[in-house]
Every structure is written in C-alpha cells, then in structure tokens.
Amino acid sequence: MEQSSMFDFHRKCRAMNIVNLYFAGDLLLFSKVFEVCLRLFGEVLNHFFGLSGFRANPIKSNFILSKSAQHN
C-alpha cells in the first residue's frame, strides 16, 4: 500500500504492516470513524474492486460502528 498522510497502521499492527485480516473467505476491515478515513477507506475498496473485478455482496455485508477504545 502506498504511504499516505491520511492512513496510519494500528499501533500494534504497524511493525507487521497488517491492514486487513482474512478468515475463511471473509474480509474484516477496520477504520477510524473520521470523514477523511472513511473516504480513504472507500477509495481503497473501489481501487480493489477495479483491479480484481470483485464486488461486495450487500446481502452478506455488515457495517458496524463502535466507540473507540481508550488510548493509554
């Protein structure tokens, strides 16, 4: 992934460069709930869809919002 000032790894995933996790064909994506982060999130997904030809199935998709965890 290209470096961007709008994107930053989770502090525990930075060293491993983990940006997504795969489980049995499913994809879990995590993002901060800021407009700029969500916009970048959408751009990355659209880029992936364009390259791969895959599309998200809205019937099988979920979008979950949660309060942020406390930072130390």
PDB file of N, CA and C in Angstrom:
ATOM      1  N   MET A   1       0.848  -1.182   0.000  1.00  0.00           N
ATOM      2  CA  MET A   1       0.000   0.000   0.000  1.00  0.00           C
ATOM      3  C   MET A   1       0.886   1.234   0.000  1.00  0.00           C
ATOM      4  N   GLU A   2       0.518   2.179  -0.792  1.00  0.00           N
ATOM      5  CA  GLU A   2       1.243   3.431  -0.878  1.00  0.00           C
ATOM      6  C   GLU A   2       1.114   4.196   0.436  1.00  0.00           C
ATOM      7  N   GLN A   3       2.194   4.829   0.884  1.00  0.00           N
ATOM      8  CA  GLN A   3       2.150   5.616   2.111  1.00  0.00           C
ATOM      9  C   GLN A   3       1.265   6.836   1.906  1.00  0.00           C
ATOM     10  N   SER A   4       0.491   7.182   2.897  1.00  0.00           N
ATOM     11  CA  SER A   4      -0.393   8.332   2.825  1.00  0.00           C
ATOM     12  C   SER A   4      -0.441   8.990   4.188  1.00  0.00           C
ATOM     13  N   SER A   5      -0.473  10.303   4.225  1.00  0.00           N
ATOM     14  CA  SER A   5      -0.578  11.007   5.497  1.00  0.00           C
ATOM     15  C   SER A   5      -1.963  10.822   6.114  1.00  0.00           C
ATOM     16  N   MET A   6      -2.940  10.336   5.331  1.00  0.00           N
ATOM     17  CA  MET A   6      -4.289  10.111   5.847  1.00  0.00           C
ATOM     18  C   MET A   6      -4.438   8.709   6.431  1.00  0.00           C
ATOM     19  N   PHE A   7      -3.448   7.858   6.227  1.00  0.00           N
ATOM     20  CA  PHE A   7      -3.544   6.472   6.666  1.00  0.00           C
ATOM     21  C   PHE A   7      -2.452   6.180   7.668  1.00  0.00           C
ATOM     22  N   ASP A   8      -2.782   5.449   8.716  1.00  0.00           N
ATOM     23  CA  ASP A   8      -1.782   5.017   9.687  1.00  0.00           C
ATOM     24  C   ASP A   8      -2.197   3.647  10.206  1.00  0.00           C
ATOM     25  N   PHE A   9      -1.220   2.774  10.394  1.00  0.00           N
ATOM     26  CA  PHE A   9      -1.488   1.454  10.943  1.00  0.00           C
ATOM     27  C   PHE A   9      -1.885   1.565  12.407  1.00  0.00           C
ATOM     28  N   HIS A  10      -2.648   0.602  12.893  1.00  0.00           N
ATOM     29  CA  HIS A  10      -2.900   0.475  14.323  1.00  0.00           C
ATOM     30  C   HIS A  10      -1.554   0.267  14.999  1.00  0.00           C
ATOM     31  N   ARG A  11      -1.361   0.833  16.178  1.00  0.00           N
ATOM     32  CA  ARG A  11      -0.046   0.790  16.838  1.00  0.00           C
ATOM     33  C   ARG A  11       0.479  -0.628  17.041  1.00  0.00           C
ATOM     34  N   LYS A  12      -0.389  -1.606  17.229  1.00  0.00           N
ATOM     35  CA  LYS A  12       0.062  -2.986  17.435  1.00  0.00           C
ATOM     36  C   LYS A  12       0.272  -3.735  16.122  1.00  0.00           C
ATOM     37  N   CYS A  13      -0.132  -3.144  15.000  1.00  0.00           N
ATOM     38  CA  CYS A  13      -0.008  -3.799  13.692  1.00  0.00           C
ATOM     39  C   CYS A  13       1.031  -3.129  12.797  1.00  0.00           C
ATOM     40  N   ARG A  14       1.533  -1.965  13.215  1.00  0.00           N
ATOM     41  CA  ARG A  14       2.449  -1.179  12.378  1.00  0.00           C
ATOM     42  C   ARG A  14       3.672  -1.986  11.952  1.00  0.00           C
ATOM     43  N   ALA A  15       4.320  -2.679  12.882  1.00  0.00           N
ATOM     44  CA  ALA A  15       5.553  -3.417  12.573  1.00  0.00           C
ATOM     45  C   ALA A  15       5.306  -4.539  11.565  1.00  0.00           C
ATOM     46  N   MET A  16       4.106  -5.094  11.565  1.00  0.00           N
ATOM     47  CA  MET A  16       3.780  -6.200  10.663  1.00  0.00           C
ATOM     48  C   MET A  16       3.122  -5.719   9.378  1.00  0.00           C
ATOM     49  N   ASN A  17       2.818  -4.423   9.281  1.00  0.00           N
ATOM     50  CA  ASN A  17       2.129  -3.850   8.120  1.00  0.00           C
ATOM     51  C   ASN A  17       0.785  -4.525   7.845  1.00  0.00           C
ATOM     52  N   ILE A  18       0.083  -4.917   8.907  1.00  0.00           N
ATOM     53  CA  ILE A  18      -1.229  -5.552   8.751  1.00  0.00           C
ATOM     54  C   ILE A  18      -2.278  -4.470   8.534  1.00  0.00           C
ATOM     55  N   VAL A  19      -2.995  -4.554   7.416  1.00  0.00           N
ATOM     56  CA  VAL A  19      -4.093  -3.626   7.159  1.00  0.00           C
ATOM     57  C   VAL A  19      -5.428  -4.355   7.036  1.00  0.00           C
ATOM     58  N   ASN A  20      -5.393  -5.663   6.948  1.00  0.00           N
ATOM     59  CA  ASN A  20      -6.637  -6.419   6.907  1.00  0.00           C
ATOM     60  C   ASN A  20      -6.383  -7.833   7.405  1.00  0.00           C
ATOM     61  N   LEU A  21      -7.436  -8.503   7.768  1.00  0.00           N
ATOM     62  CA  LEU A  21      -7.371  -9.879   8.252  1.00  0.00           C
ATOM     63  C   LEU A  21      -8.329 -10.720   7.412  1.00  0.00           C
ATOM     64  N   TYR A  22      -7.929 -11.924   7.091  1.00  0.00           N
ATOM     65  CA  TYR A  22      -8.769 -12.814   6.284  1.00  0.00           C
ATOM     66  C   TYR A  22      -9.198 -14.015   7.121  1.00  0.00           C
ATOM     67  N   PHE A  23     -10.455 -14.366   7.045  1.00  0.00           N
ATOM     68  CA  PHE A  23     -10.983 -15.534   7.738  1.00  0.00           C
ATOM     69  C   PHE A  23     -11.936 -16.259   6.794  1.00  0.00           C
ATOM     70  N   ALA A  24     -11.550 -17.432   6.338  1.00  0.00           N
ATOM     71  CA  ALA A  24     -12.415 -18.306   5.529  1.00  0.00           C
ATOM     72  C   ALA A  24     -13.146 -17.558   4.415  1.00  0.00           C
ATOM     73  N   GLY A  25     -12.413 -16.764   3.669  1.00  0.00           N
ATOM     74  CA  GLY A  25     -13.010 -16.054   2.546  1.00  0.00           C
ATOM     75  C   GLY A  25     -13.681 -14.746   2.919  1.00  0.00           C
ATOM     76  N   ASP A  26     -13.737 -14.446   4.198  1.00  0.00           N
ATOM     77  CA  ASP A  26     -14.328 -13.184   4.634  1.00  0.00           C
ATOM     78  C   ASP A  26     -13.228 -12.149   4.808  1.00  0.00           C
ATOM     79  N   LEU A  27     -13.596 -10.910   4.785  1.00  0.00           N
ATOM     80  CA  LEU A  27     -12.645  -9.822   4.953  1.00  0.00           C
ATOM     81  C   LEU A  27     -13.151  -8.900   6.044  1.00  0.00           C
ATOM     82  N   LEU A  28     -12.331  -8.689   7.054  1.00  0.00           N
ATOM     83  CA  LEU A  28     -12.655  -7.746   8.119  1.00  0.00           C
ATOM     84  C   LEU A  28     -11.814  -6.501   7.900  1.00  0.00           C
ATOM     85  N   LEU A  29     -12.452  -5.363   7.883  1.00  0.00           N
ATOM     86  CA  LEU A  29     -11.752  -4.098   7.683  1.00  0.00           C
ATOM     87  C   LEU A  29     -12.038  -3.189   8.865  1.00  0.00           C
ATOM     88  N   PHE A  30     -11.026  -2.489   9.318  1.00  0.00           N
ATOM     89  CA  PHE A  30     -11.154  -1.611  10.476  1.00  0.00           C
ATOM     90  C   PHE A  30     -10.735  -0.203  10.083  1.00  0.00           C
ATOM     91  N   SER A  31     -11.424   0.784  10.628  1.00  0.00           N
ATOM     92  CA  SER A  31     -11.101   2.169  10.310  1.00  0.00           C
ATOM     93  C   SER A  31     -11.553   3.068  11.448  1.00  0.00           C
ATOM     94  N   LYS A  32     -10.875   4.197  11.575  1.00  0.00           N
ATOM     95  CA  LYS A  32     -11.359   5.237  12.472  1.00  0.00           C
ATOM     96  C   LYS A  32     -12.578   5.871  11.810  1.00  0.00           C
ATOM     97  N   VAL A  33     -13.493   6.383  12.631  1.00  0.00           N
ATOM     98  CA  VAL A  33     -14.721   6.953  12.086  1.00  0.00           C
ATOM     99  C   VAL A  33     -14.569   8.476  11.959  1.00  0.00           C
ATOM    100  N   PHE A  34     -13.664   8.861  11.080  1.00  0.00           N
ATOM    101  CA  PHE A  34     -13.494  10.261  10.689  1.00  0.00           C
ATOM    102  C   PHE A  34     -13.791  10.320   9.201  1.00  0.00           C
ATOM    103  N   GLU A  35     -14.368  11.422   8.758  1.00  0.00           N
ATOM    104  CA  GLU A  35     -14.748  11.524   7.349  1.00  0.00           C
ATOM    105  C   GLU A  35     -13.580  11.213   6.420  1.00  0.00           C
ATOM    106  N   VAL A  36     -12.406  11.768   6.713  1.00  0.00           N
ATOM    107  CA  VAL A  36     -11.249  11.556   5.838  1.00  0.00           C
ATOM    108  C   VAL A  36     -10.849  10.078   5.804  1.00  0.00           C
ATOM    109  N   CYS A  37     -10.937   9.385   6.938  1.00  0.00           N
ATOM    110  CA  CYS A  37     -10.596   7.958   6.990  1.00  0.00           C
ATOM    111  C   CYS A  37     -11.607   7.132   6.208  1.00  0.00           C
ATOM    112  N   LEU A  38     -12.878   7.453   6.364  1.00  0.00           N
ATOM    113  CA  LEU A  38     -13.916   6.707   5.654  1.00  0.00           C
ATOM    114  C   LEU A  38     -13.838   6.950   4.154  1.00  0.00           C
ATOM    115  N   ARG A  39     -13.492   8.178   3.764  1.00  0.00           N
ATOM    116  CA  ARG A  39     -13.333   8.478   2.340  1.00  0.00           C
ATOM    117  C   ARG A  39     -12.173   7.660   1.763  1.00  0.00           C
ATOM    118  N   LEU A  40     -11.033   7.617   2.478  1.00  0.00           N
ATOM    119  CA  LEU A  40      -9.884   6.824   2.037  1.00  0.00           C
ATOM    120  C   LEU A  40     -10.251   5.345   1.982  1.00  0.00           C
ATOM    121  N   PHE A  41     -10.994   4.887   2.967  1.00  0.00           N
ATOM    122  CA  PHE A  41     -11.468   3.513   3.035  1.00  0.00           C
ATOM    123  C   PHE A  41     -12.246   3.162   1.764  1.00  0.00           C
ATOM    124  N   GLY A  42     -13.175   4.039   1.382  1.00  0.00           N
ATOM    125  CA  GLY A  42     -13.963   3.825   0.170  1.00  0.00           C
ATOM    126  C   GLY A  42     -13.107   3.839  -1.085  1.00  0.00           C
ATOM    127  N   GLU A  43     -12.129   4.747  -1.139  1.00  0.00           N
ATOM    128  CA  GLU A  43     -11.239   4.815  -2.300  1.00  0.00           C
ATOM    129  C   GLU A  43     -10.430   3.532  -2.450  1.00  0.00           C
ATOM    130  N   VAL A  44      -9.924   3.008  -1.329  1.00  0.00           N
ATOM    131  CA  VAL A  44      -9.144   1.766  -1.362  1.00  0.00           C
ATOM    132  C   VAL A  44     -10.021   0.606  -1.824  1.00  0.00           C
ATOM    133  N   LEU A  45     -11.242   0.514  -1.297  1.00  0.00           N
ATOM    134  CA  LEU A  45     -12.152  -0.558  -1.724  1.00  0.00           C
ATOM    135  C   LEU A  45     -12.482  -0.441  -3.207  1.00  0.00           C
ATOM    136  N   ASN A  46     -12.766   0.760  -3.671  1.00  0.00           N
ATOM    137  CA  ASN A  46     -13.075   0.947  -5.095  1.00  0.00           C
ATOM    138  C   ASN A  46     -11.880   0.595  -5.971  1.00  0.00           C
ATOM    139  N   HIS A  47     -10.680   0.919  -5.518  1.00  0.00           N
ATOM    140  CA  HIS A  47      -9.469   0.563  -6.263  1.00  0.00           C
ATOM    141  C   HIS A  47      -9.335  -0.962  -6.331  1.00  0.00           C
ATOM    142  N   PHE A  48      -9.555  -1.627  -5.197  1.00  0.00           N
ATOM    143  CA  PHE A  48      -9.502  -3.091  -5.152  1.00  0.00           C
ATOM    144  C   PHE A  48     -10.552  -3.695  -6.085  1.00  0.00           C
ATOM    145  N   PHE A  49     -11.776  -3.178  -6.023  1.00  0.00           N
ATOM    146  CA  PHE A  49     -12.843  -3.692  -6.888  1.00  0.00           C
ATOM    147  C   PHE A  49     -12.473  -3.528  -8.359  1.00  0.00           C
ATOM    148  N   GLY A  50     -11.888  -2.382  -8.691  1.00  0.00           N
ATOM    149  CA  GLY A  50     -11.495  -2.125 -10.071  1.00  0.00           C
ATOM    150  C   GLY A  50     -10.407  -3.062 -10.559  1.00  0.00           C
ATOM    151  N   LEU A  51      -9.438  -3.368  -9.692  1.00  0.00           N
ATOM    152  CA  LEU A  51      -8.340  -4.253 -10.080  1.00  0.00           C
ATOM    153  C   LEU A  51      -8.755  -5.716 -10.128  1.00  0.00           C
ATOM    154  N   SER A  52      -9.553  -6.130  -9.150  1.00  0.00           N
ATOM    155  CA  SER A  52      -9.867  -7.552  -9.000  1.00  0.00           C
ATOM    156  C   SER A  52     -11.130  -7.981  -9.740  1.00  0.00           C
ATOM    157  N   GLY A  53     -12.036  -7.046  -9.961  1.00  0.00           N
ATOM    158  CA  GLY A  53     -13.326  -7.404 -10.540  1.00  0.00           C
ATOM    159  C   GLY A  53     -14.306  -7.914  -9.497  1.00  0.00           C
ATOM    160  N   PHE A  54     -13.862  -8.050  -8.248  1.00  0.00           N
ATOM    161  CA  PHE A  54     -14.748  -8.480  -7.167  1.00  0.00           C
ATOM    162  C   PHE A  54     -15.664  -7.335  -6.767  1.00  0.00           C
ATOM    163  N   ARG A  55     -16.784  -7.674  -6.178  1.00  0.00           N
ATOM    164  CA  ARG A  55     -17.715  -6.694  -5.636  1.00  0.00           C
ATOM    165  C   ARG A  55     -18.184  -7.194  -4.282  1.00  0.00           C
ATOM    166  N   ALA A  56     -18.456  -6.258  -3.379  1.00  0.00           N
ATOM    167  CA  ALA A  56     -19.022  -6.629  -2.082  1.00  0.00           C
ATOM    168  C   ALA A  56     -20.475  -7.028  -2.289  1.00  0.00           C
ATOM    169  N   ASN A  57     -20.888  -8.084  -1.634  1.00  0.00           N
ATOM    170  CA  ASN A  57     -22.274  -8.535  -1.694  1.00  0.00           C
ATOM    171  C   ASN A  57     -23.035  -7.841  -0.563  1.00  0.00           C
ATOM    172  N   PRO A  58     -23.904  -6.879  -0.868  1.00  0.00           N
ATOM    173  CA  PRO A  58     -24.594  -6.145   0.194  1.00  0.00           C
ATOM    174  C   PRO A  58     -25.481  -7.028   1.071  1.00  0.00           C
ATOM    175  N   ILE A  59     -25.955  -8.134   0.545  1.00  0.00           N
ATOM    176  CA  ILE A  59     -26.791  -9.043   1.336  1.00  0.00           C
ATOM    177  C   ILE A  59     -25.964  -9.743   2.412  1.00  0.00           C
ATOM    178  N   LYS A  60     -24.693  -9.989   2.120  1.00  0.00           N
ATOM    179  CA  LYS A  60     -23.816 -10.697   3.053  1.00  0.00           C
ATOM    180  C   LYS A  60     -22.882  -9.755   3.811  1.00  0.00           C
ATOM    181  N   SER A  61     -23.043  -8.455   3.629  1.00  0.00           N
ATOM    182  CA  SER A  61     -22.127  -7.483   4.227  1.00  0.00           C
ATOM    183  C   SER A  61     -22.732  -6.839   5.462  1.00  0.00           C
ATOM    184  N   ASN A  62     -21.870  -6.467   6.385  1.00  0.00           N
ATOM    185  CA  ASN A  62     -22.280  -5.755   7.592  1.00  0.00           C
ATOM    186  C   ASN A  62     -21.366  -4.558   7.792  1.00  0.00           C
ATOM    187  N   PHE A  63     -21.912  -3.513   8.356  1.00  0.00           N
ATOM    188  CA  PHE A  63     -21.166  -2.305   8.680  1.00  0.00           C
ATOM    189  C   PHE A  63     -21.450  -2.019  10.142  1.00  0.00           C
ATOM    190  N   ILE A  64     -20.428  -2.069  10.974  1.00  0.00           N
ATOM    191  CA  ILE A  64     -20.613  -1.929  12.417  1.00  0.00           C
ATOM    192  C   ILE A  64     -19.799  -0.749  12.917  1.00  0.00           C
ATOM    193  N   LEU A  65     -20.426   0.120  13.694  1.00  0.00           N
ATOM    194  CA  LEU A  65     -19.735   1.236  14.335  1.00  0.00           C
ATOM    195  C   LEU A  65     -19.626   0.946  15.817  1.00  0.00           C
ATOM    196  N   SER A  66     -18.512   1.347  16.400  1.00  0.00           N
ATOM    197  CA  SER A  66     -18.296   1.119  17.819  1.00  0.00           C
ATOM    198  C   SER A  66     -17.543   2.303  18.400  1.00  0.00           C
ATOM    199  N   LYS A  67     -17.740   2.549  19.672  1.00  0.00           N
ATOM    200  CA  LYS A  67     -16.967   3.597  20.335  1.00  0.00           C
ATOM    201  C   LYS A  67     -15.498   3.203  20.345  1.00  0.00           C
ATOM    202  N   SER A  68     -14.649   4.195  20.330  1.00  0.00           N
ATOM    203  CA  SER A  68     -13.204   3.948  20.354  1.00  0.00           C
ATOM    204  C   SER A  68     -12.785   3.387  21.698  1.00  0.00           C
ATOM    205  N   ALA A  69     -11.762   2.550  21.662  1.00  0.00           N
ATOM    206  CA  ALA A  69     -11.171   2.048  22.896  1.00  0.00           C
ATOM    207  C   ALA A  69     -10.351   3.169  23.518  1.00  0.00           C
ATOM    208  N   GLN A  70     -10.179   3.131  24.809  1.00  0.00           N
ATOM    209  CA  GLN A  70      -9.353   4.120  25.500  1.00  0.00           C
ATOM    210  C   GLN A  70      -7.903   3.954  25.084  1.00  0.00           C
ATOM    211  N   HIS A  71      -7.231   5.056  24.773  1.00  0.00           N
ATOM    212  CA  HIS A  71      -5.807   5.021  24.443  1.00  0.00           C
ATOM    213  C   HIS A  71      -5.010   5.296  25.702  1.00  0.00           C
ATOM    214  N   ASN A  72      -3.901   4.581  25.869  1.00  0.00           N
ATOM    215  CA  ASN A  72      -3.037   4.796  27.047  1.00  0.00           C
ATOM    216  C   ASN A  72      -2.143   5.985  26.854  1.00  0.00           C
TER     217      ASN A  72
END
